[in-house]
Each structure stands twice: as structure tokens, then as C-alpha cells.
Amino acid sequence: MRAMRQSAWGEAEVMALVEVEEPAPVFGEVLVEVMAAGVNPVDVFTRRGQAYNRVLDLPFINGWDVAGTVVSTGYGTTRFRTGDRVFGMPWFPRAAGCYAEDVTAPARHFARMPEGSSFTEAAARPGSERWSACGRAASWSAGRRPGPLGCTSAQAR
């Protein structure tokens, strides 16, 4: 699969499109086909080596805010099924690798996308892990949109 990987700390030029091994979900995880990945200030600071570089090793695939479709589930995963539309902020602050075509993470790191929402909208929601954790309490549903996004989003597919 393709991914944007960086091998040094710096500006956008340190990132390169590369072929990497496709991840496989293990117990309790889901494999998500990335349809959109958010680009937030933490991504830029991390790429520059100004944040979280103490827990990250180079090379790594940046990106945390993500939205996509569940492709497969690991053994014991019952929260989602193949085809479910999900969004989340997996593994933060460890490397999640969301600037890739596919990502694996524990199912609990994702929430179902509300009906009528787009992948771009869901991935652009800063701190979408909070939405994952709050789930229904967030009251984000069809006809109701989250507040100001405050970040950008790049469509992956």
C-alpha cells in the first residue's frame, strides 16, 4: 500500500510517497481503508520534531485524525463490521500512520460516522478521539454539524 513516510524532521519536503506493507488487524483491532485524513497543527509540529518526537522513531508515517471504511476485523472484534463508516484518532500520541491507504488500531479508537456526514468532515474534526470517546453524547447527527473545524483535511482517495 502507499503511505506518506518521513525519514527526517523538517518541513513537508521530508515526506515521501512510498510503498509499505499492508497492516493486518490483530485481536480487538479493525483494518480501516482511509478515505480522508485530517491535517492539524500537531501533525506539522510533529513532522518538524517540535512535538511528540520523544515517543516516535524515524522513519514513521504521520497522521492521527482519520475517517474511512472498515475492511476487516481482528479476532474478537464485535464493535464494527466490514463496510462500517468510522472515524477516530487512533494511537495518539504514538504513531498511528493515518497518512496511508489503510490503518489498523483497536476498535475502541473509532466511532461510527453519523448518517449524512462526509469522510472529509469526520477526518477534519480536531481531536476526533474525543468524539469517539463521547460517541452519542456528542449529539453529532444528520442535520447537525460539529462546530468550527479549525483545521484542514486532505482527501486520501
N, C-alpha and C. Protein backbone atom coordinates (compact mmCIF):
# COMPACT_ATOMS: atom_id res chain seq x y z
N MET A 1 0.85 -1.18 0.00
CA MET A 1 0.00 0.00 0.00
C MET A 1 0.88 1.23 0.00
N ARG A 2 0.31 2.35 -0.38
CA ARG A 2 1.05 3.61 -0.41
C ARG A 2 0.86 4.37 0.90
N ALA A 3 1.91 5.10 1.29
CA ALA A 3 1.86 5.92 2.50
C ALA A 3 2.82 7.09 2.36
N MET A 4 2.55 8.15 3.09
CA MET A 4 3.46 9.30 3.16
C MET A 4 4.33 9.11 4.39
N ARG A 5 5.60 8.76 4.17
CA ARG A 5 6.51 8.47 5.27
C ARG A 5 7.60 9.54 5.33
N GLN A 6 8.00 9.87 6.56
CA GLN A 6 9.10 10.81 6.72
C GLN A 6 10.27 10.11 7.37
N SER A 7 11.47 10.50 6.91
CA SER A 7 12.70 9.89 7.40
C SER A 7 13.57 10.87 8.16
N ALA A 8 13.14 12.13 8.26
CA ALA A 8 13.88 13.16 8.98
C ALA A 8 12.88 14.17 9.52
N TRP A 9 13.30 14.98 10.49
CA TRP A 9 12.45 16.05 11.00
C TRP A 9 12.60 17.25 10.08
N GLY A 10 11.51 17.94 9.77
CA GLY A 10 11.62 19.11 8.90
C GLY A 10 10.30 19.53 8.31
N GLU A 11 10.38 20.23 7.20
CA GLU A 11 9.20 20.73 6.51
C GLU A 11 8.60 19.62 5.64
N ALA A 12 7.57 19.94 4.88
CA ALA A 12 6.84 18.94 4.09
C ALA A 12 7.75 18.14 3.16
N GLU A 13 8.87 18.71 2.77
CA GLU A 13 9.78 18.02 1.85
C GLU A 13 10.38 16.74 2.43
N VAL A 14 10.32 16.55 3.76
CA VAL A 14 10.88 15.33 4.37
C VAL A 14 9.95 14.14 4.21
N MET A 15 8.74 14.39 3.70
CA MET A 15 7.78 13.31 3.49
C MET A 15 7.86 12.81 2.06
N ALA A 16 7.73 11.50 1.91
CA ALA A 16 7.80 10.90 0.57
C ALA A 16 6.74 9.82 0.43
N LEU A 17 6.19 9.71 -0.75
CA LEU A 17 5.22 8.66 -1.03
C LEU A 17 6.00 7.36 -1.26
N VAL A 18 5.71 6.35 -0.44
CA VAL A 18 6.43 5.08 -0.50
C VAL A 18 5.45 3.91 -0.46
N GLU A 19 5.94 2.76 -0.85
CA GLU A 19 5.19 1.52 -0.71
C GLU A 19 5.58 0.88 0.61
N VAL A 20 4.61 0.51 1.42
CA VAL A 20 4.85 -0.16 2.69
C VAL A 20 3.96 -1.39 2.78
N GLU A 21 4.27 -2.26 3.71
CA GLU A 21 3.48 -3.47 3.89
C GLU A 21 2.09 -3.14 4.42
N GLU A 22 1.09 -3.80 3.88
CA GLU A 22 -0.29 -3.61 4.32
C GLU A 22 -0.44 -4.12 5.76
N PRO A 23 -1.03 -3.32 6.66
CA PRO A 23 -1.22 -3.78 8.03
C PRO A 23 -2.33 -4.83 8.11
N ALA A 24 -2.29 -5.64 9.15
CA ALA A 24 -3.33 -6.64 9.37
C ALA A 24 -3.83 -6.48 10.80
N PRO A 25 -5.14 -6.48 10.99
CA PRO A 25 -5.66 -6.31 12.35
C PRO A 25 -5.40 -7.55 13.21
N VAL A 26 -5.06 -7.31 14.46
CA VAL A 26 -4.91 -8.39 15.44
C VAL A 26 -6.10 -8.35 16.39
N PHE A 27 -6.08 -9.13 17.42
CA PHE A 27 -7.19 -9.23 18.36
C PHE A 27 -7.68 -7.84 18.79
N GLY A 28 -8.97 -7.58 18.62
CA GLY A 28 -9.58 -6.33 19.06
C GLY A 28 -9.39 -5.15 18.13
N GLU A 29 -8.72 -5.36 17.01
CA GLU A 29 -8.46 -4.25 16.10
C GLU A 29 -9.33 -4.30 14.86
N VAL A 30 -9.35 -3.17 14.14
CA VAL A 30 -10.00 -3.09 12.84
C VAL A 30 -8.99 -2.59 11.81
N LEU A 31 -9.16 -3.03 10.58
CA LEU A 31 -8.41 -2.50 9.44
C LEU A 31 -9.34 -1.54 8.74
N VAL A 32 -8.92 -0.27 8.63
CA VAL A 32 -9.74 0.77 8.04
C VAL A 32 -9.10 1.26 6.75
N GLU A 33 -9.87 1.26 5.66
CA GLU A 33 -9.43 1.89 4.42
C GLU A 33 -9.60 3.40 4.61
N VAL A 34 -8.51 4.13 4.56
CA VAL A 34 -8.53 5.57 4.81
C VAL A 34 -9.14 6.29 3.62
N MET A 35 -10.21 7.01 3.88
CA MET A 35 -10.86 7.81 2.84
C MET A 35 -10.49 9.29 2.98
N ALA A 36 -10.16 9.73 4.20
CA ALA A 36 -9.71 11.10 4.45
C ALA A 36 -8.90 11.11 5.73
N ALA A 37 -7.87 11.96 5.75
CA ALA A 37 -7.04 12.13 6.93
C ALA A 37 -6.92 13.61 7.23
N GLY A 38 -7.10 13.99 8.48
CA GLY A 38 -7.01 15.38 8.88
C GLY A 38 -5.56 15.82 8.98
N VAL A 39 -5.35 17.10 8.72
CA VAL A 39 -4.03 17.72 8.88
C VAL A 39 -4.20 18.82 9.91
N ASN A 40 -3.59 18.62 11.07
CA ASN A 40 -3.74 19.55 12.19
C ASN A 40 -2.39 20.11 12.61
N PRO A 41 -2.40 21.15 13.43
CA PRO A 41 -1.12 21.71 13.90
C PRO A 41 -0.20 20.66 14.53
N VAL A 42 -0.75 19.70 15.26
CA VAL A 42 0.11 18.69 15.89
C VAL A 42 0.85 17.87 14.84
N ASP A 43 0.24 17.65 13.68
CA ASP A 43 0.92 16.93 12.60
C ASP A 43 2.13 17.73 12.10
N VAL A 44 1.96 19.02 11.95
CA VAL A 44 3.04 19.89 11.47
C VAL A 44 4.15 19.96 12.52
N PHE A 45 3.79 20.19 13.78
CA PHE A 45 4.79 20.27 14.84
C PHE A 45 5.55 18.95 14.97
N THR A 46 4.83 17.85 14.87
CA THR A 46 5.48 16.53 14.98
C THR A 46 6.43 16.32 13.81
N ARG A 47 5.98 16.66 12.60
CA ARG A 47 6.84 16.50 11.43
C ARG A 47 8.13 17.30 11.58
N ARG A 48 8.04 18.46 12.20
CA ARG A 48 9.21 19.31 12.40
C ARG A 48 10.08 18.84 13.57
N GLY A 49 9.58 17.90 14.36
CA GLY A 49 10.33 17.45 15.53
C GLY A 49 10.11 18.32 16.75
N GLN A 50 9.03 19.10 16.74
CA GLN A 50 8.74 20.03 17.84
C GLN A 50 7.73 19.47 18.83
N ALA A 51 7.21 18.28 18.58
CA ALA A 51 6.23 17.69 19.49
C ALA A 51 6.24 16.19 19.33
N TYR A 52 6.10 15.47 20.41
CA TYR A 52 5.94 14.01 20.41
C TYR A 52 7.09 13.24 19.80
N ASN A 53 8.16 13.92 19.37
CA ASN A 53 9.27 13.18 18.78
C ASN A 53 10.00 12.33 19.81
N ARG A 54 9.72 12.51 21.09
CA ARG A 54 10.33 11.68 22.11
C ARG A 54 9.73 10.28 22.12
N VAL A 55 8.52 10.12 21.62
CA VAL A 55 7.89 8.80 21.60
C VAL A 55 7.82 8.21 20.19
N LEU A 56 8.33 8.94 19.21
CA LEU A 56 8.30 8.48 17.82
C LEU A 56 9.71 8.24 17.30
N ASP A 57 9.86 7.19 16.55
CA ASP A 57 11.15 6.90 15.91
C ASP A 57 11.02 7.12 14.41
N LEU A 58 12.08 7.63 13.82
CA LEU A 58 12.11 7.78 12.37
C LEU A 58 12.59 6.48 11.75
N PRO A 59 12.14 6.14 10.56
CA PRO A 59 11.07 6.80 9.81
C PRO A 59 9.70 6.45 10.40
N PHE A 60 8.72 7.30 10.15
CA PHE A 60 7.36 6.99 10.57
C PHE A 60 6.36 7.64 9.64
N ILE A 61 5.13 7.15 9.72
CA ILE A 61 4.02 7.68 8.92
C ILE A 61 3.18 8.56 9.83
N ASN A 62 3.09 9.83 9.51
CA ASN A 62 2.39 10.81 10.32
C ASN A 62 0.87 10.64 10.19
N GLY A 63 0.14 11.41 10.95
CA GLY A 63 -1.32 11.47 10.84
C GLY A 63 -2.05 10.72 11.93
N TRP A 64 -3.05 11.39 12.51
CA TRP A 64 -3.88 10.78 13.55
C TRP A 64 -5.37 10.87 13.22
N ASP A 65 -5.88 12.03 12.88
CA ASP A 65 -7.32 12.15 12.61
C ASP A 65 -7.64 11.48 11.29
N VAL A 66 -8.60 10.55 11.31
CA VAL A 66 -8.85 9.73 10.13
C VAL A 66 -10.32 9.35 10.04
N ALA A 67 -10.78 9.11 8.82
CA ALA A 67 -12.12 8.58 8.57
C ALA A 67 -12.02 7.61 7.41
N GLY A 68 -12.79 6.54 7.49
CA GLY A 68 -12.75 5.55 6.42
C GLY A 68 -13.76 4.45 6.63
N THR A 69 -13.52 3.35 5.92
CA THR A 69 -14.43 2.21 5.93
C THR A 69 -13.72 0.99 6.48
N VAL A 70 -14.38 0.27 7.37
CA VAL A 70 -13.81 -0.94 7.94
C VAL A 70 -13.71 -2.00 6.83
N VAL A 71 -12.50 -2.51 6.62
CA VAL A 71 -12.24 -3.52 5.61
C VAL A 71 -12.28 -4.91 6.23
N SER A 72 -11.71 -5.04 7.43
CA SER A 72 -11.74 -6.33 8.13
C SER A 72 -11.55 -6.08 9.62
N THR A 73 -11.83 -7.11 10.40
CA THR A 73 -11.70 -7.02 11.85
C THR A 73 -10.84 -8.16 12.36
N GLY A 74 -10.12 -7.88 13.44
CA GLY A 74 -9.34 -8.91 14.09
C GLY A 74 -10.24 -9.80 14.93
N TYR A 75 -9.70 -10.94 15.30
CA TYR A 75 -10.44 -11.89 16.13
C TYR A 75 -10.95 -11.18 17.39
N GLY A 76 -12.18 -11.46 17.76
CA GLY A 76 -12.76 -10.91 18.97
C GLY A 76 -13.33 -9.52 18.84
N THR A 77 -13.24 -8.93 17.66
CA THR A 77 -13.77 -7.59 17.46
C THR A 77 -15.24 -7.67 17.08
N THR A 78 -16.09 -7.08 17.91
CA THR A 78 -17.54 -7.14 17.66
C THR A 78 -18.16 -5.75 17.50
N ARG A 79 -17.40 -4.73 17.77
CA ARG A 79 -17.94 -3.36 17.73
C ARG A 79 -18.30 -2.91 16.32
N PHE A 80 -17.52 -3.36 15.32
CA PHE A 80 -17.74 -2.95 13.94
C PHE A 80 -17.77 -4.16 13.03
N ARG A 81 -18.38 -3.94 11.85
CA ARG A 81 -18.41 -4.96 10.80
C ARG A 81 -17.83 -4.37 9.53
N THR A 82 -17.44 -5.25 8.63
CA THR A 82 -16.93 -4.82 7.33
C THR A 82 -17.96 -3.90 6.67
N GLY A 83 -17.48 -2.77 6.16
CA GLY A 83 -18.35 -1.81 5.50
C GLY A 83 -18.79 -0.65 6.38
N ASP A 84 -18.62 -0.75 7.70
CA ASP A 84 -19.00 0.35 8.58
C ASP A 84 -18.13 1.57 8.30
N ARG A 85 -18.75 2.75 8.30
CA ARG A 85 -18.03 4.02 8.13
C ARG A 85 -17.64 4.51 9.51
N VAL A 86 -16.34 4.73 9.71
CA VAL A 86 -15.84 5.09 11.04
C VAL A 86 -14.90 6.28 10.98
N PHE A 87 -14.67 6.90 12.14
CA PHE A 87 -13.68 7.96 12.27
C PHE A 87 -13.08 7.89 13.66
N GLY A 88 -11.90 8.47 13.80
CA GLY A 88 -11.26 8.43 15.10
C GLY A 88 -9.89 9.07 15.08
N MET A 89 -9.21 8.93 16.22
CA MET A 89 -7.86 9.46 16.40
C MET A 89 -7.03 8.37 17.06
N PRO A 90 -6.68 7.33 16.30
CA PRO A 90 -6.02 6.17 16.90
C PRO A 90 -4.59 6.42 17.38
N TRP A 91 -4.24 5.73 18.45
CA TRP A 91 -2.89 5.59 19.00
C TRP A 91 -2.25 6.86 19.54
N PHE A 92 -2.88 8.00 19.46
CA PHE A 92 -2.25 9.26 19.87
C PHE A 92 -1.74 9.17 21.31
N PRO A 93 -0.51 9.61 21.60
CA PRO A 93 0.45 10.29 20.75
C PRO A 93 1.44 9.36 20.03
N ARG A 94 1.24 8.05 20.12
CA ARG A 94 2.11 7.14 19.37
C ARG A 94 1.77 7.21 17.88
N ALA A 95 2.68 6.78 17.04
CA ALA A 95 2.46 6.83 15.60
C ALA A 95 1.26 5.97 15.20
N ALA A 96 0.33 6.58 14.48
CA ALA A 96 -0.86 5.85 14.03
C ALA A 96 -0.77 5.52 12.54
N GLY A 97 -0.06 6.35 11.79
CA GLY A 97 0.12 6.07 10.37
C GLY A 97 -1.09 6.34 9.51
N CYS A 98 -1.82 7.40 9.82
CA CYS A 98 -3.06 7.68 9.08
C CYS A 98 -2.83 8.33 7.72
N TYR A 99 -1.60 8.75 7.41
CA TYR A 99 -1.30 9.25 6.07
C TYR A 99 -0.94 8.05 5.19
N ALA A 100 -1.83 7.10 5.14
CA ALA A 100 -1.63 5.87 4.37
C ALA A 100 -2.97 5.42 3.82
N GLU A 101 -2.94 4.45 2.94
CA GLU A 101 -4.18 3.96 2.35
C GLU A 101 -5.00 3.14 3.34
N ASP A 102 -4.33 2.50 4.30
CA ASP A 102 -5.02 1.69 5.31
C ASP A 102 -4.36 1.88 6.66
N VAL A 103 -5.12 1.71 7.72
CA VAL A 103 -4.60 1.84 9.07
C VAL A 103 -5.28 0.79 9.97
N THR A 104 -4.53 0.26 10.93
CA THR A 104 -5.10 -0.65 11.92
C THR A 104 -4.97 0.00 13.29
N ALA A 105 -5.97 -0.26 14.13
CA ALA A 105 -5.96 0.25 15.50
C ALA A 105 -7.06 -0.48 16.27
N PRO A 106 -7.00 -0.39 17.61
CA PRO A 106 -8.06 -1.00 18.40
C PRO A 106 -9.43 -0.42 18.01
N ALA A 107 -10.44 -1.26 17.97
CA ALA A 107 -11.79 -0.82 17.59
C ALA A 107 -12.27 0.32 18.50
N ARG A 108 -11.85 0.30 19.76
CA ARG A 108 -12.30 1.35 20.70
C ARG A 108 -11.76 2.73 20.34
N HIS A 109 -10.80 2.82 19.42
CA HIS A 109 -10.26 4.10 18.99
C HIS A 109 -11.11 4.76 17.90
N PHE A 110 -12.18 4.09 17.50
CA PHE A 110 -13.04 4.59 16.43
C PHE A 110 -14.49 4.69 16.90
N ALA A 111 -15.25 5.51 16.19
CA ALA A 111 -16.69 5.62 16.39
C ALA A 111 -17.35 5.55 15.02
N ARG A 112 -18.60 5.15 14.99
CA ARG A 112 -19.35 5.16 13.73
C ARG A 112 -19.60 6.60 13.31
N MET A 113 -19.46 6.84 12.01
CA MET A 113 -19.76 8.16 11.49
C MET A 113 -21.26 8.37 11.47
N PRO A 114 -21.72 9.54 11.86
CA PRO A 114 -23.15 9.83 11.79
C PRO A 114 -23.65 9.79 10.36
N GLU A 115 -24.88 9.35 10.18
CA GLU A 115 -25.51 9.33 8.85
C GLU A 115 -25.46 10.73 8.26
N GLY A 116 -25.15 10.79 6.99
CA GLY A 116 -25.16 12.07 6.29
C GLY A 116 -23.86 12.84 6.39
N SER A 117 -22.90 12.38 7.19
CA SER A 117 -21.63 13.09 7.29
C SER A 117 -20.66 12.57 6.24
N SER A 118 -19.75 13.43 5.82
CA SER A 118 -18.77 13.04 4.81
C SER A 118 -17.49 12.57 5.50
N PHE A 119 -16.68 11.81 4.77
CA PHE A 119 -15.40 11.37 5.30
C PHE A 119 -14.50 12.57 5.61
N THR A 120 -14.50 13.55 4.71
CA THR A 120 -13.66 14.73 4.91
C THR A 120 -14.07 15.47 6.18
N GLU A 121 -15.35 15.63 6.37
CA GLU A 121 -15.86 16.31 7.56
C GLU A 121 -15.45 15.57 8.83
N ALA A 122 -15.58 14.26 8.82
CA ALA A 122 -15.25 13.47 10.01
C ALA A 122 -13.76 13.51 10.30
N ALA A 123 -12.91 13.39 9.28
CA ALA A 123 -11.46 13.39 9.49
C ALA A 123 -10.95 14.76 9.91
N ALA A 124 -11.67 15.81 9.50
CA ALA A 124 -11.24 17.17 9.81
C ALA A 124 -11.61 17.60 11.22
N ARG A 125 -12.35 16.77 11.92
CA ARG A 125 -12.77 17.13 13.28
C ARG A 125 -11.58 17.00 14.23
N PRO A 126 -11.00 18.12 14.67
CA PRO A 126 -9.84 18.04 15.55
C PRO A 126 -10.15 17.25 16.81
N GLY A 127 -9.18 16.46 17.23
CA GLY A 127 -9.38 15.69 18.45
C GLY A 127 -10.53 14.73 18.32
N SER A 128 -10.67 14.11 17.14
CA SER A 128 -11.83 13.24 16.92
C SER A 128 -11.86 12.09 17.91
N GLU A 129 -10.75 11.85 18.63
CA GLU A 129 -10.77 10.83 19.67
C GLU A 129 -11.80 11.19 20.74
N ARG A 130 -11.94 12.51 21.00
CA ARG A 130 -12.95 12.92 21.98
C ARG A 130 -14.34 12.53 21.49
N TRP A 131 -14.57 12.67 20.18
CA TRP A 131 -15.86 12.29 19.62
C TRP A 131 -16.04 10.79 19.72
N SER A 132 -14.95 10.05 19.49
CA SER A 132 -15.02 8.59 19.60
C SER A 132 -15.40 8.21 21.02
N ALA A 133 -14.75 8.85 21.99
CA ALA A 133 -14.99 8.51 23.39
C ALA A 133 -16.39 8.94 23.83
N CYS A 134 -16.83 10.09 23.35
CA CYS A 134 -18.14 10.59 23.76
C CYS A 134 -19.27 9.93 22.99
N GLY A 135 -18.97 9.53 21.74
CA GLY A 135 -19.96 8.84 20.93
C GLY A 135 -21.27 9.58 20.85
N ARG A 136 -22.33 8.95 21.29
CA ARG A 136 -23.66 9.52 21.18
C ARG A 136 -23.82 10.80 22.00
N ALA A 137 -23.04 10.97 23.05
CA ALA A 137 -23.16 12.16 23.88
C ALA A 137 -22.79 13.42 23.11
N ALA A 138 -22.03 13.26 22.04
CA ALA A 138 -21.59 14.41 21.26
C ALA A 138 -22.74 15.03 20.47
N SER A 139 -23.81 14.31 20.29
CA SER A 139 -25.01 14.73 19.55
C SER A 139 -24.71 15.26 18.16
N TRP A 140 -23.75 14.64 17.49
CA TRP A 140 -23.46 14.97 16.10
C TRP A 140 -24.25 13.99 15.26
N SER A 141 -25.25 14.46 14.56
CA SER A 141 -26.12 13.58 13.79
C SER A 141 -26.52 14.26 12.50
N ALA A 142 -27.24 13.52 11.67
CA ALA A 142 -27.69 14.07 10.40
C ALA A 142 -28.44 15.37 10.64
N GLY A 143 -28.12 16.38 9.88
CA GLY A 143 -28.77 17.67 10.03
C GLY A 143 -28.10 18.56 11.06
N ARG A 144 -27.24 17.98 11.89
CA ARG A 144 -26.50 18.76 12.88
C ARG A 144 -25.02 18.54 12.60
N ARG A 145 -24.29 19.59 12.54
CA ARG A 145 -22.87 19.51 12.22
C ARG A 145 -22.04 19.95 13.42
N PRO A 146 -20.81 19.46 13.50
CA PRO A 146 -19.93 19.92 14.57
C PRO A 146 -19.62 21.38 14.38
N GLY A 147 -19.09 22.01 15.42
CA GLY A 147 -18.74 23.42 15.36
C GLY A 147 -17.59 23.67 14.41
N PRO A 148 -16.99 24.86 14.50
CA PRO A 148 -15.90 25.20 13.59
C PRO A 148 -14.81 24.14 13.60
N LEU A 149 -14.32 23.81 12.43
CA LEU A 149 -13.35 22.74 12.34
C LEU A 149 -11.96 23.14 12.79
N GLY A 150 -11.52 24.32 12.44
CA GLY A 150 -10.23 24.79 12.92
C GLY A 150 -9.03 24.07 12.35
N CYS A 151 -9.19 23.31 11.30
CA CYS A 151 -8.06 22.63 10.67
C CYS A 151 -8.42 22.34 9.23
N THR A 152 -7.49 21.74 8.54
CA THR A 152 -7.73 21.37 7.15
C THR A 152 -7.86 19.87 7.04
N SER A 153 -8.28 19.41 5.90
CA SER A 153 -8.36 17.99 5.69
C SER A 153 -7.95 17.68 4.25
N ALA A 154 -7.28 16.55 4.09
CA ALA A 154 -6.87 16.14 2.75
C ALA A 154 -7.56 14.84 2.40
N GLN A 155 -8.22 14.83 1.27
CA GLN A 155 -8.89 13.62 0.82
C GLN A 155 -7.85 12.61 0.38
N ALA A 156 -7.91 11.40 0.93
CA ALA A 156 -6.91 10.38 0.62
C ALA A 156 -7.24 9.61 -0.65
N ARG A 157 -8.49 9.47 -0.96
CA ARG A 157 -8.88 8.67 -2.12
C ARG A 157 -9.76 9.47 -3.03
